[in-house]
Protein backbone atom coordinates (compact mmCIF):
# COMPACT_ATOMS: atom_id res chain seq x y z
CA MET A 1 8.11 0.12 -13.87
CA SER A 2 10.44 3.09 -14.10
CA GLY A 3 13.92 3.28 -12.66
CA GLY A 4 12.92 5.87 -10.03
CA ALA A 5 13.81 6.02 -6.37
CA SER A 6 13.12 3.01 -4.21
CA VAL A 7 12.21 2.92 -0.53
CA LYS A 8 11.85 0.04 1.91
CA VAL A 9 8.67 -0.06 3.98
CA LYS A 10 7.22 -2.47 6.51
CA VAL A 11 3.76 -3.75 5.60
CA LEU A 12 1.42 -5.13 8.28
CA PHE A 13 -1.47 -7.37 7.19
CA PHE A 14 -4.65 -7.70 9.25
CA ALA A 15 -7.69 -10.05 9.05
CA SER A 16 -8.58 -10.96 5.44
CA SER A 17 -5.45 -9.27 4.07
CA ARG A 18 -3.32 -11.51 6.34
CA GLU A 19 -5.15 -14.59 5.06
CA ALA A 20 -4.69 -13.52 1.42
CA ALA A 21 -0.99 -12.67 1.85
CA GLY A 22 -0.23 -15.72 3.96
CA CYS A 23 1.80 -13.70 6.47
CA SER A 24 1.30 -11.01 9.12
CA SER A 25 4.05 -8.63 7.94
CA THR A 26 6.78 -8.12 5.36
CA ASP A 27 9.45 -5.63 4.38
CA ILE A 28 9.06 -4.57 0.75
CA SER A 29 10.91 -2.26 -1.63
CA VAL A 30 8.64 0.19 -3.43
CA THR A 31 9.70 1.89 -6.65
CA ARG A 32 7.84 4.79 -8.24
CA GLU A 33 5.82 3.99 -11.36
CA SER A 34 5.64 6.83 -13.89
CA SER A 35 1.87 7.38 -13.50
CA SER A 36 0.20 6.50 -10.20
CA GLY A 37 -3.11 8.29 -10.77
CA GLY A 38 -5.47 9.55 -8.07
CA ASN A 39 -5.09 12.76 -6.07
CA ASP A 40 -1.32 12.54 -6.08
CA ASP A 41 0.29 14.33 -3.12
CA THR A 42 3.74 12.96 -3.93
CA SER A 43 6.92 14.45 -5.26
CA SER A 44 7.87 13.40 -8.79
CA SER A 45 10.48 10.86 -7.67
CA SER A 46 9.05 9.46 -4.42
CA PRO A 47 7.29 6.11 -4.42
CA SER A 48 3.67 6.39 -3.27
CA THR A 49 0.87 4.47 -1.62
CA ALA A 50 -0.49 3.79 -5.14
CA ASP A 51 2.85 2.22 -6.09
CA LEU A 52 2.69 0.09 -2.93
CA ARG A 53 -0.83 -1.13 -3.78
CA ARG A 54 0.38 -2.12 -7.27
CA ILE A 55 3.45 -3.96 -5.96
CA LEU A 56 1.45 -5.79 -3.30
CA ALA A 57 -1.07 -6.91 -5.95
CA GLU A 58 1.80 -8.23 -8.12
CA THR A 59 3.60 -9.90 -5.20
CA TYR A 60 0.52 -11.45 -3.57
CA PRO A 61 -2.00 -12.38 -6.32
CA LYS A 62 -4.63 -13.52 -3.80
CA LEU A 63 -4.41 -10.07 -2.21
CA ALA A 64 -4.85 -8.18 -5.52
CA PRO A 65 -8.68 -7.89 -5.48
CA LEU A 66 -8.55 -6.45 -1.95
CA VAL A 67 -5.55 -4.16 -2.21
CA MET A 68 -6.56 -2.58 -5.53
CA ASP A 69 -10.06 -1.73 -4.21
CA GLU A 70 -9.95 1.16 -1.73
CA GLY A 71 -13.38 0.06 -0.45
CA SER A 72 -11.97 -3.32 0.56
CA ILE A 73 -8.69 -2.24 2.20
CA THR A 74 -7.82 0.98 3.99
CA LEU A 75 -4.18 1.90 4.34
CA ALA A 76 -2.71 3.39 7.48
CA LEU A 77 0.65 5.11 6.95
CA ASN A 78 2.64 5.37 10.19
CA GLU A 79 -0.55 4.88 12.24
CA GLU A 80 -2.54 7.54 10.32
CA TYR A 81 -5.36 6.50 7.98
CA VAL A 82 -4.87 7.39 4.32
CA PRO A 83 -8.16 8.95 3.13
CA ALA A 84 -9.80 7.18 0.18
CA GLY A 85 -8.64 8.61 -3.12
CA GLU A 86 -5.46 10.18 -1.68
CA VAL A 87 -2.00 9.10 -2.79
CA LEU A 88 0.79 9.85 -0.31
CA SER A 89 4.57 9.68 -0.59
CA LEU A 90 6.45 6.86 1.09
CA ARG A 91 9.83 7.20 2.81
CA ASP A 92 12.40 4.65 3.90
CA GLY A 93 11.33 3.05 7.17
CA ASP A 94 7.61 3.86 6.88
CA THR A 95 5.09 1.36 8.22
CA VAL A 96 1.92 0.71 6.23
CA ALA A 97 -0.96 -1.33 7.66
CA LEU A 98 -3.62 -2.93 5.44
CA ILE A 99 -6.89 -2.73 7.32
CA PRO A 100 -10.03 -4.43 5.96
CA PRO A 101 -13.47 -3.05 6.87
CA ILE A 102 -14.50 -3.87 10.41
CA SER A 103 -18.03 -5.05 11.01
CA GLY A 104 -19.89 -5.42 14.22
CA GLY A 105 -22.30 -3.60 16.36
């Protein structure tokens, strides 16, 4: 991990992500890693949604298979879905929800 900027975000866990994390929400500090990959729409020093996924996987090992697979968990940043493959910047005070696929009919 690089010594880049750090932001504090609130993470909300729903359904299977809540079960894997063992809690319904947490505040977490996110620091920018030097290479986040993906379609990066972030400034060079801002932590991103990719950095958050990595930190959540490290912090909650049972959550890792879900959070690292965009098909298993969709992120919503401040109540707006993050399209698959997009990497967005995070700012202090942002709220990120982890939303598993919803089935039903």
